[in-house]
Amino acid sequence: TCMSTARRERFLNAYKAVTTVGHPQYHQMKQLISTHGAPPNNFNEIHTDPFFLPWHRWYAMAVENILRNQDCRVTIPWWRWSKKSTTWWTGSPFLASNNWLGTNTKGSCVNSGAFQPPWMPPTGSSTQCLTYNFWQG
């Protein structure tokens, strides 16, 4: 990504702050994440052709608004996946450094990057860590 390290760290810090228990916007962010989450929360509907782009545009804006309440300089980064459409899960933004998202864990807990434990996703599920399970076929 072309995002500077400082801007990326600002985004990651804001996201981690609003998804930490005790933050004033934690419950709002948790509710927003569950709105997108697994079924039965309309997961199948929002991922169909007529709803995918408009719903996710609204969702990205809602997330960004919460992040801006934490730090008004934050915007949601945009990665140009088309530049590496056949290997998008390799390299940036999925690098092990603390100012990146961490590497593909194939269903295990992310153990590198900004979202490794002790950070926990605010999902309300029994999963106490973030997992990536990118298809690499």
C-alpha atoms as a PDB file:
ATOM      1  CA  THR A   1       0.000   0.000   0.000  1.00  0.00           C
ATOM      2  CA  CYS A   2       1.056   3.561  -0.563  1.00  0.00           C
ATOM      3  CA  MET A   3      -0.180   4.603   2.868  1.00  0.00           C
ATOM      4  CA  SER A   4       2.633   6.014   4.981  1.00  0.00           C
ATOM      5  CA  THR A   5       3.642   4.110   8.081  1.00  0.00           C
ATOM      6  CA  ALA A   6       2.431   6.978  10.291  1.00  0.00           C
ATOM      7  CA  ARG A   7      -1.029   7.026   8.683  1.00  0.00           C
ATOM      8  CA  ARG A   8      -1.293   3.237   8.816  1.00  0.00           C
ATOM      9  CA  GLU A   9      -0.319   3.214  12.502  1.00  0.00           C
ATOM     10  CA  ARG A  10      -2.864   5.971  13.193  1.00  0.00           C
ATOM     11  CA  PHE A  11      -5.578   3.843  11.576  1.00  0.00           C
ATOM     12  CA  LEU A  12      -4.548   0.675  13.418  1.00  0.00           C
ATOM     13  CA  ASN A  13      -4.328   2.472  16.769  1.00  0.00           C
ATOM     14  CA  ALA A  14      -7.774   4.021  16.316  1.00  0.00           C
ATOM     15  CA  TYR A  15      -9.277   0.667  15.329  1.00  0.00           C
ATOM     16  CA  LYS A  16      -7.688  -1.126  18.259  1.00  0.00           C
ATOM     17  CA  ALA A  17      -8.845   1.620  20.636  1.00  0.00           C
ATOM     18  CA  VAL A  18     -12.525   1.515  19.640  1.00  0.00           C
ATOM     19  CA  THR A  19     -12.524  -2.292  19.730  1.00  0.00           C
ATOM     20  CA  THR A  20     -11.125  -2.456  23.260  1.00  0.00           C
ATOM     21  CA  VAL A  21     -13.480  -3.166  26.156  1.00  0.00           C
ATOM     22  CA  GLY A  22     -14.052  -0.010  28.152  1.00  0.00           C
ATOM     23  CA  HIS A  23     -13.740   2.408  25.227  1.00  0.00           C
ATOM     24  CA  PRO A  24     -16.807   4.690  25.024  1.00  0.00           C
ATOM     25  CA  GLN A  25     -17.581   3.461  21.492  1.00  0.00           C
ATOM     26  CA  TYR A  26     -16.791  -0.199  22.083  1.00  0.00           C
ATOM     27  CA  HIS A  27     -20.427  -1.337  22.142  1.00  0.00           C
ATOM     28  CA  GLN A  28     -21.277   0.717  19.060  1.00  0.00           C
ATOM     29  CA  MET A  29     -18.374  -0.847  17.167  1.00  0.00           C
ATOM     30  CA  LYS A  30     -19.219  -4.327  18.448  1.00  0.00           C
ATOM     31  CA  GLN A  31     -22.818  -3.898  17.258  1.00  0.00           C
ATOM     32  CA  LEU A  32     -21.650  -2.695  13.857  1.00  0.00           C
ATOM     33  CA  ILE A  33     -19.289  -5.659  13.479  1.00  0.00           C
ATOM     34  CA  SER A  34     -22.058  -8.087  14.453  1.00  0.00           C
ATOM     35  CA  THR A  35     -24.321  -6.468  11.834  1.00  0.00           C
ATOM     36  CA  HIS A  36     -21.882  -7.705   9.211  1.00  0.00           C
ATOM     37  CA  GLY A  37     -20.990 -10.944  10.975  1.00  0.00           C
ATOM     38  CA  ALA A  38     -21.942 -14.505  10.401  1.00  0.00           C
ATOM     39  CA  PRO A  39     -25.512 -15.692   9.830  1.00  0.00           C
ATOM     40  CA  PRO A  40     -28.230 -15.073  10.866  1.00  0.00           C
ATOM     41  CA  ASN A  41     -27.264 -11.386  10.668  1.00  0.00           C
ATOM     42  CA  ASN A  42     -28.211 -11.004   6.986  1.00  0.00           C
ATOM     43  CA  PHE A  43     -24.780 -12.319   5.972  1.00  0.00           C
ATOM     44  CA  ASN A  44     -26.121 -14.151   2.925  1.00  0.00           C
ATOM     45  CA  GLU A  45     -28.296 -11.246   1.777  1.00  0.00           C
ATOM     46  CA  ILE A  46     -25.626  -8.548   2.026  1.00  0.00           C
ATOM     47  CA  HIS A  47     -23.220 -10.656   0.000  1.00  0.00           C
ATOM     48  CA  THR A  48     -25.479 -10.996  -3.049  1.00  0.00           C
ATOM     49  CA  ASP A  49     -25.054  -8.870  -6.169  1.00  0.00           C
ATOM     50  CA  PRO A  50     -27.838  -6.326  -5.523  1.00  0.00           C
ATOM     51  CA  PHE A  51     -26.690  -5.550  -1.967  1.00  0.00           C
ATOM     52  CA  PHE A  52     -22.943  -6.143  -1.877  1.00  0.00           C
ATOM     53  CA  LEU A  53     -21.563  -2.786  -3.027  1.00  0.00           C
ATOM     54  CA  PRO A  54     -24.172  -0.410  -1.527  1.00  0.00           C
ATOM     55  CA  TRP A  55     -24.315  -2.224   1.807  1.00  0.00           C
ATOM     56  CA  HIS A  56     -20.534  -2.387   2.178  1.00  0.00           C
ATOM     57  CA  ARG A  57     -20.173   1.251   1.149  1.00  0.00           C
ATOM     58  CA  TRP A  58     -22.533   2.167   4.005  1.00  0.00           C
ATOM     59  CA  TYR A  59     -20.673  -0.202   6.357  1.00  0.00           C
ATOM     60  CA  ALA A  60     -17.238   1.245   5.531  1.00  0.00           C
ATOM     61  CA  MET A  61     -18.571   4.758   6.122  1.00  0.00           C
ATOM     62  CA  ALA A  62     -20.110   3.734   9.471  1.00  0.00           C
ATOM     63  CA  VAL A  63     -16.811   2.168  10.599  1.00  0.00           C
ATOM     64  CA  GLU A  64     -14.870   5.221   9.448  1.00  0.00           C
ATOM     65  CA  ASN A  65     -17.213   7.531  11.369  1.00  0.00           C
ATOM     66  CA  ILE A  66     -16.558   5.598  14.583  1.00  0.00           C
ATOM     67  CA  LEU A  67     -12.817   5.682  13.934  1.00  0.00           C
ATOM     68  CA  ARG A  68     -12.950   9.441  13.303  1.00  0.00           C
ATOM     69  CA  ASN A  69     -14.523   9.939  16.707  1.00  0.00           C
ATOM     70  CA  GLN A  70     -11.307   8.439  18.086  1.00  0.00           C
ATOM     71  CA  ASP A  71      -8.976  10.339  15.731  1.00  0.00           C
ATOM     72  CA  CYS A  72     -10.434  12.796  13.218  1.00  0.00           C
ATOM     73  CA  ARG A  73      -7.446  12.260  10.886  1.00  0.00           C
ATOM     74  CA  VAL A  74      -8.262   8.590  10.251  1.00  0.00           C
ATOM     75  CA  THR A  75      -9.731   7.309   7.026  1.00  0.00           C
ATOM     76  CA  ILE A  76     -10.261   3.708   6.000  1.00  0.00           C
ATOM     77  CA  PRO A  77      -7.325   2.598   3.875  1.00  0.00           C
ATOM     78  CA  TRP A  78      -7.967   1.331   0.405  1.00  0.00           C
ATOM     79  CA  TRP A  79      -5.752  -1.417  -0.943  1.00  0.00           C
ATOM     80  CA  ARG A  80      -5.622  -1.875  -4.674  1.00  0.00           C
ATOM     81  CA  TRP A  81      -6.158  -5.629  -4.710  1.00  0.00           C
ATOM     82  CA  SER A  82      -6.211  -5.682  -8.511  1.00  0.00           C
ATOM     83  CA  LYS A  83      -2.451  -5.069  -8.563  1.00  0.00           C
ATOM     84  CA  LYS A  84      -1.985  -8.571  -7.191  1.00  0.00           C
ATOM     85  CA  SER A  85      -5.355 -10.181  -7.690  1.00  0.00           C
ATOM     86  CA  THR A  86      -4.041 -13.733  -7.841  1.00  0.00           C
ATOM     87  CA  THR A  87      -1.912 -13.466  -4.674  1.00  0.00           C
ATOM     88  CA  TRP A  88      -3.683 -10.752  -2.670  1.00  0.00           C
ATOM     89  CA  TRP A  89      -3.121 -12.576   0.642  1.00  0.00           C
ATOM     90  CA  THR A  90       0.682 -12.319   0.350  1.00  0.00           C
ATOM     91  CA  GLY A  91       2.757  -9.275   1.161  1.00  0.00           C
ATOM     92  CA  SER A  92       1.260  -5.978   2.269  1.00  0.00           C
ATOM     93  CA  PRO A  93      -1.027  -5.453   4.084  1.00  0.00           C
ATOM     94  CA  PHE A  94      -0.610  -8.989   5.474  1.00  0.00           C
ATOM     95  CA  LEU A  95       2.878  -8.650   6.918  1.00  0.00           C
ATOM     96  CA  ALA A  96       4.098  -9.739  10.359  1.00  0.00           C
ATOM     97  CA  SER A  97       5.257  -6.299  11.548  1.00  0.00           C
ATOM     98  CA  ASN A  98       3.202  -4.567  14.258  1.00  0.00           C
ATOM     99  CA  ASN A  99       2.219  -1.814  11.817  1.00  0.00           C
ATOM    100  CA  TRP A 100       0.643  -4.298   9.383  1.00  0.00           C
ATOM    101  CA  LEU A 101      -2.282  -6.739   9.663  1.00  0.00           C
ATOM    102  CA  GLY A 102      -0.346  -9.956  10.349  1.00  0.00           C
ATOM    103  CA  THR A 103       0.041 -13.036   8.191  1.00  0.00           C
ATOM    104  CA  ASN A 104      -2.454 -15.674   7.061  1.00  0.00           C
ATOM    105  CA  THR A 105      -2.924 -18.162   9.875  1.00  0.00           C
ATOM    106  CA  LYS A 106      -5.110 -20.681   8.012  1.00  0.00           C
ATOM    107  CA  GLY A 107      -7.738 -20.644  10.746  1.00  0.00           C
ATOM    108  CA  SER A 108      -5.424 -20.349  13.760  1.00  0.00           C
ATOM    109  CA  CYS A 109      -4.996 -17.238  15.899  1.00  0.00           C
ATOM    110  CA  VAL A 110      -3.130 -14.404  14.217  1.00  0.00           C
ATOM    111  CA  ASN A 111       0.244 -14.373  15.949  1.00  0.00           C
ATOM    112  CA  SER A 112       1.853 -11.414  14.216  1.00  0.00           C
ATOM    113  CA  GLY A 113       0.993  -7.887  13.208  1.00  0.00           C
ATOM    114  CA  ALA A 114      -1.209  -5.320  14.896  1.00  0.00           C
ATOM    115  CA  PHE A 115      -4.021  -7.724  15.776  1.00  0.00           C
ATOM    116  CA  GLN A 116      -2.110 -10.469  17.560  1.00  0.00           C
ATOM    117  CA  PRO A 117      -3.049 -11.249  21.177  1.00  0.00           C
ATOM    118  CA  PRO A 118      -3.617  -9.704  23.619  1.00  0.00           C
ATOM    119  CA  TRP A 119      -5.927  -7.758  21.226  1.00  0.00           C
ATOM    120  CA  MET A 120      -9.265  -9.550  20.895  1.00  0.00           C
ATOM    121  CA  PRO A 121     -11.964  -9.009  18.285  1.00  0.00           C
ATOM    122  CA  PRO A 122     -15.171  -7.543  19.743  1.00  0.00           C
ATOM    123  CA  THR A 123     -17.372 -10.284  18.348  1.00  0.00           C
ATOM    124  CA  GLY A 124     -18.935 -11.561  21.527  1.00  0.00           C
ATOM    125  CA  SER A 125     -18.148 -15.090  20.397  1.00  0.00           C
ATOM    126  CA  SER A 126     -16.027 -17.649  22.181  1.00  0.00           C
ATOM    127  CA  THR A 127     -13.164 -16.885  19.777  1.00  0.00           C
ATOM    128  CA  GLN A 128     -10.657 -14.859  21.740  1.00  0.00           C
ATOM    129  CA  CYS A 129      -8.403 -14.031  18.819  1.00  0.00           C
ATOM    130  CA  LEU A 130      -8.504 -12.910  15.224  1.00  0.00           C
ATOM    131  CA  THR A 131      -8.136 -15.633  12.606  1.00  0.00           C
ATOM    132  CA  TYR A 132      -7.451 -15.442   8.901  1.00  0.00           C
ATOM    133  CA  ASN A 133      -8.291 -18.355   6.691  1.00  0.00           C
ATOM    134  CA  PHE A 134      -7.514 -17.165   3.205  1.00  0.00           C
ATOM    135  CA  TRP A 135      -8.113 -19.554   0.375  1.00  0.00           C
ATOM    136  CA  GLN A 136      -4.841 -20.204  -1.379  1.00  0.00           C
ATOM    137  CA  GLY A 137      -5.892 -22.680  -4.011  1.00  0.00           C
END
